[in-house]
Amino acid sequence: MLGVRRGTVSTIATRFETAKLIRDGRGQIEILNRAGLKKEGGSCYEFVARHIDRLLPDA
């Protein structure tokens, strides 16, 4: 869905988990610090959020 390699996703997820922004496990990601994720993601966060809202308006 994101168009990136699995290894890249794992690397970033590990970084976010170490920073206590998310909890990752068994096919699920729990957001622990949304404001921190927004800060880390910069403009990318808003870009992805807009597209998710467009594709999944009831989520």
C-alpha atoms as a PDB file:
ATOM      1  CA  MET A   1       0.000   0.000   0.000  1.00  0.00           C
ATOM      2  CA  LEU A   2       2.798   2.445   0.792  1.00  0.00           C
ATOM      3  CA  GLY A   3       5.108   1.458  -2.050  1.00  0.00           C
ATOM      4  CA  VAL A   4       8.145   0.849   0.160  1.00  0.00           C
ATOM      5  CA  ARG A   5      10.198  -2.220   0.962  1.00  0.00           C
ATOM      6  CA  ARG A   6       9.333  -4.329   3.968  1.00  0.00           C
ATOM      7  CA  GLY A   7      12.807  -3.773   5.392  1.00  0.00           C
ATOM      8  CA  THR A   8      12.279  -0.012   5.324  1.00  0.00           C
ATOM      9  CA  VAL A   9       8.958  -0.344   7.133  1.00  0.00           C
ATOM     10  CA  SER A  10      10.587  -2.571   9.771  1.00  0.00           C
ATOM     11  CA  THR A  11      13.436  -0.111  10.276  1.00  0.00           C
ATOM     12  CA  ILE A  12      11.108   2.851  10.743  1.00  0.00           C
ATOM     13  CA  ALA A  13       8.698   0.864  12.937  1.00  0.00           C
ATOM     14  CA  THR A  14      11.604  -0.120  15.189  1.00  0.00           C
ATOM     15  CA  ARG A  15      12.695   3.511  15.409  1.00  0.00           C
ATOM     16  CA  PHE A  16       9.161   4.623  16.307  1.00  0.00           C
ATOM     17  CA  GLU A  17       8.797   1.831  18.854  1.00  0.00           C
ATOM     18  CA  THR A  18      12.109   2.727  20.500  1.00  0.00           C
ATOM     19  CA  ALA A  19      10.889   6.336  20.732  1.00  0.00           C
ATOM     20  CA  LYS A  20       7.653   5.050  22.407  1.00  0.00           C
ATOM     21  CA  LEU A  21       5.523   6.418  19.555  1.00  0.00           C
ATOM     22  CA  ILE A  22       4.005   3.039  18.614  1.00  0.00           C
ATOM     23  CA  ARG A  23       3.724  -0.531  19.838  1.00  0.00           C
ATOM     24  CA  ASP A  24       4.218  -3.086  17.071  1.00  0.00           C
ATOM     25  CA  GLY A  25       3.268  -6.727  17.245  1.00  0.00           C
ATOM     26  CA  ARG A  26       1.563  -9.606  15.450  1.00  0.00           C
ATOM     27  CA  GLY A  27       0.277  -7.661  12.462  1.00  0.00           C
ATOM     28  CA  GLN A  28      -1.003  -4.728  14.505  1.00  0.00           C
ATOM     29  CA  ILE A  29       0.395  -1.314  15.274  1.00  0.00           C
ATOM     30  CA  GLU A  30      -0.877   0.612  18.292  1.00  0.00           C
ATOM     31  CA  ILE A  31      -0.322   4.366  18.265  1.00  0.00           C
ATOM     32  CA  LEU A  32       0.960   5.511  21.643  1.00  0.00           C
ATOM     33  CA  ASN A  33       1.850   9.121  20.837  1.00  0.00           C
ATOM     34  CA  ARG A  34      -0.020  10.600  17.872  1.00  0.00           C
ATOM     35  CA  ALA A  35       1.471  14.070  18.316  1.00  0.00           C
ATOM     36  CA  GLY A  36       4.973  12.562  18.292  1.00  0.00           C
ATOM     37  CA  LEU A  37       4.215  10.644  15.101  1.00  0.00           C
ATOM     38  CA  LYS A  38       2.931  13.800  13.436  1.00  0.00           C
ATOM     39  CA  LYS A  39       6.128  15.607  14.414  1.00  0.00           C
ATOM     40  CA  GLU A  40       8.359  12.781  13.133  1.00  0.00           C
ATOM     41  CA  GLY A  41       6.396  12.403   9.901  1.00  0.00           C
ATOM     42  CA  GLY A  42       6.349  16.093   9.034  1.00  0.00           C
ATOM     43  CA  SER A  43       4.369  16.838   5.885  1.00  0.00           C
ATOM     44  CA  CYS A  44       4.238  13.116   5.036  1.00  0.00           C
ATOM     45  CA  TYR A  45       1.855  12.488   7.942  1.00  0.00           C
ATOM     46  CA  GLU A  46      -0.713  14.967   6.656  1.00  0.00           C
ATOM     47  CA  PHE A  47      -0.354  13.705   3.068  1.00  0.00           C
ATOM     48  CA  VAL A  48      -1.016  10.085   4.077  1.00  0.00           C
ATOM     49  CA  ALA A  49      -3.792  11.056   6.517  1.00  0.00           C
ATOM     50  CA  ARG A  50      -5.666  12.912   3.744  1.00  0.00           C
ATOM     51  CA  HIS A  51      -5.489   9.897   1.457  1.00  0.00           C
ATOM     52  CA  ILE A  52      -6.604   7.487   4.181  1.00  0.00           C
ATOM     53  CA  ASP A  53      -9.545   9.765   4.980  1.00  0.00           C
ATOM     54  CA  ARG A  54     -10.442   9.844   1.301  1.00  0.00           C
ATOM     55  CA  LEU A  55     -10.189   6.075   0.829  1.00  0.00           C
ATOM     56  CA  LEU A  56     -11.658   5.045   4.199  1.00  0.00           C
ATOM     57  CA  PRO A  57     -14.026   7.855   5.225  1.00  0.00           C
ATOM     58  CA  ASP A  58     -15.730   5.759   7.937  1.00  0.00           C
ATOM     59  CA  ALA A  59     -12.509   4.518   9.574  1.00  0.00           C
END
